[in-house]
Amino acid sequence: MAEVTIEGRGDFERALKKFRMQCKKEGIVKKFKERQRYTKPSQKRREKAKRRKKG
């Protein structure tokens, strides 16, 4: 779980950037987008094979 604490009068923009980087590193946004719609298992296999072939 991504978590960022701001101490005192810390810079909110810097904390937000740090939070976004943590979310990206943990793959939270990617998982969320994948779970928005149901993807059939056969489609997942095709996409996986396509990525593997691509490089």
N, C-alpha and C. Protein backbone atom coordinates (compact mmCIF):
# COMPACT_ATOMS: atom_id res chain seq x y z
N MET A 1 0.84 -1.16 0.00
CA MET A 1 0.00 0.00 0.00
C MET A 1 0.89 1.24 0.00
N ALA A 2 0.67 2.10 -0.95
CA ALA A 2 1.47 3.32 -1.08
C ALA A 2 1.05 4.31 0.00
N GLU A 3 2.04 4.89 0.65
CA GLU A 3 1.76 5.83 1.72
C GLU A 3 2.87 6.87 1.79
N VAL A 4 2.47 8.14 1.91
CA VAL A 4 3.43 9.23 2.01
C VAL A 4 2.98 10.12 3.16
N THR A 5 3.91 10.50 4.02
CA THR A 5 3.57 11.41 5.12
C THR A 5 4.25 12.76 4.88
N ILE A 6 3.52 13.81 5.22
CA ILE A 6 4.06 15.16 5.10
C ILE A 6 4.29 15.68 6.51
N GLU A 7 5.51 16.04 6.80
CA GLU A 7 5.84 16.52 8.14
C GLU A 7 5.82 18.04 8.17
N GLY A 8 5.17 18.58 9.19
CA GLY A 8 5.13 20.03 9.36
C GLY A 8 4.50 20.73 8.18
N ARG A 9 5.20 21.69 7.63
CA ARG A 9 4.70 22.46 6.49
C ARG A 9 5.36 21.94 5.21
N GLY A 10 5.36 20.62 5.05
CA GLY A 10 5.99 20.01 3.90
C GLY A 10 5.34 20.40 2.59
N ASP A 11 6.05 20.19 1.53
CA ASP A 11 5.59 20.53 0.19
C ASP A 11 4.60 19.47 -0.31
N PHE A 12 3.35 19.87 -0.50
CA PHE A 12 2.31 18.95 -0.94
C PHE A 12 2.60 18.41 -2.33
N GLU A 13 3.06 19.26 -3.23
CA GLU A 13 3.34 18.84 -4.61
C GLU A 13 4.41 17.75 -4.64
N ARG A 14 5.43 17.89 -3.83
CA ARG A 14 6.50 16.89 -3.78
C ARG A 14 5.96 15.58 -3.23
N ALA A 15 5.10 15.66 -2.21
CA ALA A 15 4.51 14.45 -1.62
C ALA A 15 3.60 13.75 -2.63
N LEU A 16 2.85 14.53 -3.40
CA LEU A 16 1.97 13.96 -4.41
C LEU A 16 2.78 13.24 -5.49
N LYS A 17 3.87 13.84 -5.91
CA LYS A 17 4.73 13.22 -6.91
C LYS A 17 5.32 11.92 -6.37
N LYS A 18 5.73 11.93 -5.12
CA LYS A 18 6.29 10.74 -4.49
C LYS A 18 5.24 9.64 -4.40
N PHE A 19 3.99 10.02 -4.06
CA PHE A 19 2.90 9.07 -3.98
C PHE A 19 2.61 8.43 -5.34
N ARG A 20 2.58 9.25 -6.38
CA ARG A 20 2.34 8.74 -7.72
C ARG A 20 3.42 7.75 -8.15
N MET A 21 4.67 8.06 -7.82
CA MET A 21 5.77 7.17 -8.16
C MET A 21 5.63 5.83 -7.44
N GLN A 22 5.23 5.87 -6.18
CA GLN A 22 5.04 4.64 -5.42
C GLN A 22 3.91 3.81 -6.02
N CYS A 23 2.82 4.47 -6.40
CA CYS A 23 1.69 3.77 -7.03
C CYS A 23 2.13 3.11 -8.34
N LYS A 24 2.92 3.82 -9.11
CA LYS A 24 3.40 3.29 -10.38
C LYS A 24 4.31 2.09 -10.15
N LYS A 25 5.18 2.20 -9.17
CA LYS A 25 6.11 1.13 -8.86
C LYS A 25 5.39 -0.13 -8.40
N GLU A 26 4.31 0.04 -7.60
CA GLU A 26 3.55 -1.09 -7.09
C GLU A 26 2.54 -1.61 -8.11
N GLY A 27 2.30 -0.87 -9.18
CA GLY A 27 1.38 -1.31 -10.23
C GLY A 27 -0.08 -1.14 -9.87
N ILE A 28 -0.38 -0.24 -8.96
CA ILE A 28 -1.76 -0.04 -8.50
C ILE A 28 -2.65 0.46 -9.63
N VAL A 29 -2.20 1.44 -10.36
CA VAL A 29 -3.01 2.03 -11.44
C VAL A 29 -3.25 1.00 -12.54
N LYS A 30 -2.21 0.25 -12.87
CA LYS A 30 -2.32 -0.77 -13.92
C LYS A 30 -3.36 -1.83 -13.53
N LYS A 31 -3.32 -2.29 -12.28
CA LYS A 31 -4.29 -3.28 -11.80
C LYS A 31 -5.70 -2.72 -11.85
N PHE A 32 -5.83 -1.46 -11.43
CA PHE A 32 -7.15 -0.83 -11.43
C PHE A 32 -7.73 -0.79 -12.84
N LYS A 33 -6.92 -0.37 -13.81
CA LYS A 33 -7.40 -0.29 -15.19
C LYS A 33 -7.75 -1.66 -15.75
N GLU A 34 -6.98 -2.68 -15.38
CA GLU A 34 -7.26 -4.03 -15.84
C GLU A 34 -8.58 -4.54 -15.29
N ARG A 35 -8.91 -4.16 -14.07
CA ARG A 35 -10.11 -4.67 -13.40
C ARG A 35 -11.36 -3.86 -13.70
N GLN A 36 -11.25 -2.81 -14.47
CA GLN A 36 -12.43 -2.02 -14.82
C GLN A 36 -13.37 -2.81 -15.71
N ARG A 37 -12.83 -3.66 -16.55
CA ARG A 37 -13.65 -4.47 -17.45
C ARG A 37 -13.22 -5.92 -17.34
N TYR A 38 -14.15 -6.82 -17.60
CA TYR A 38 -13.84 -8.25 -17.59
C TYR A 38 -13.15 -8.61 -18.90
N THR A 39 -12.06 -9.32 -18.78
CA THR A 39 -11.34 -9.80 -19.96
C THR A 39 -11.35 -11.32 -19.92
N LYS A 40 -11.81 -11.91 -21.00
CA LYS A 40 -11.87 -13.37 -21.04
C LYS A 40 -10.46 -13.95 -20.96
N PRO A 41 -10.32 -15.11 -20.34
CA PRO A 41 -9.00 -15.74 -20.22
C PRO A 41 -8.32 -15.96 -21.57
N SER A 42 -9.09 -16.31 -22.60
CA SER A 42 -8.49 -16.51 -23.92
C SER A 42 -7.90 -15.21 -24.45
N GLN A 43 -8.58 -14.10 -24.20
CA GLN A 43 -8.08 -12.79 -24.63
C GLN A 43 -6.79 -12.43 -23.90
N LYS A 44 -6.75 -12.75 -22.59
CA LYS A 44 -5.55 -12.48 -21.80
C LYS A 44 -4.36 -13.26 -22.36
N ARG A 45 -4.60 -14.53 -22.74
CA ARG A 45 -3.53 -15.35 -23.30
C ARG A 45 -3.03 -14.76 -24.62
N ARG A 46 -3.97 -14.31 -25.46
CA ARG A 46 -3.58 -13.73 -26.74
C ARG A 46 -2.73 -12.48 -26.54
N GLU A 47 -3.14 -11.61 -25.61
CA GLU A 47 -2.39 -10.39 -25.34
C GLU A 47 -1.00 -10.71 -24.78
N LYS A 48 -0.94 -11.71 -23.91
CA LYS A 48 0.34 -12.10 -23.32
C LYS A 48 1.28 -12.63 -24.40
N ALA A 49 0.75 -13.46 -25.31
CA ALA A 49 1.56 -14.01 -26.39
C ALA A 49 2.02 -12.89 -27.33
N LYS A 50 1.16 -11.93 -27.56
CA LYS A 50 1.49 -10.80 -28.42
C LYS A 50 2.64 -9.98 -27.83
N ARG A 51 2.57 -9.72 -26.50
CA ARG A 51 3.65 -8.96 -25.83
C ARG A 51 4.94 -9.75 -25.85
N ARG A 52 4.86 -11.06 -25.62
CA ARG A 52 6.06 -11.90 -25.61
C ARG A 52 6.72 -11.91 -26.98
N LYS A 53 5.91 -11.99 -28.02
CA LYS A 53 6.41 -12.01 -29.40
C LYS A 53 7.05 -10.67 -29.78
N LYS A 54 6.42 -9.59 -29.28
CA LYS A 54 6.85 -8.25 -29.61
C LYS A 54 8.23 -7.95 -29.06
N GLY A 55 8.51 -8.46 -27.87
CA GLY A 55 9.86 -8.27 -27.42
C GLY A 55 10.00 -7.87 -26.04
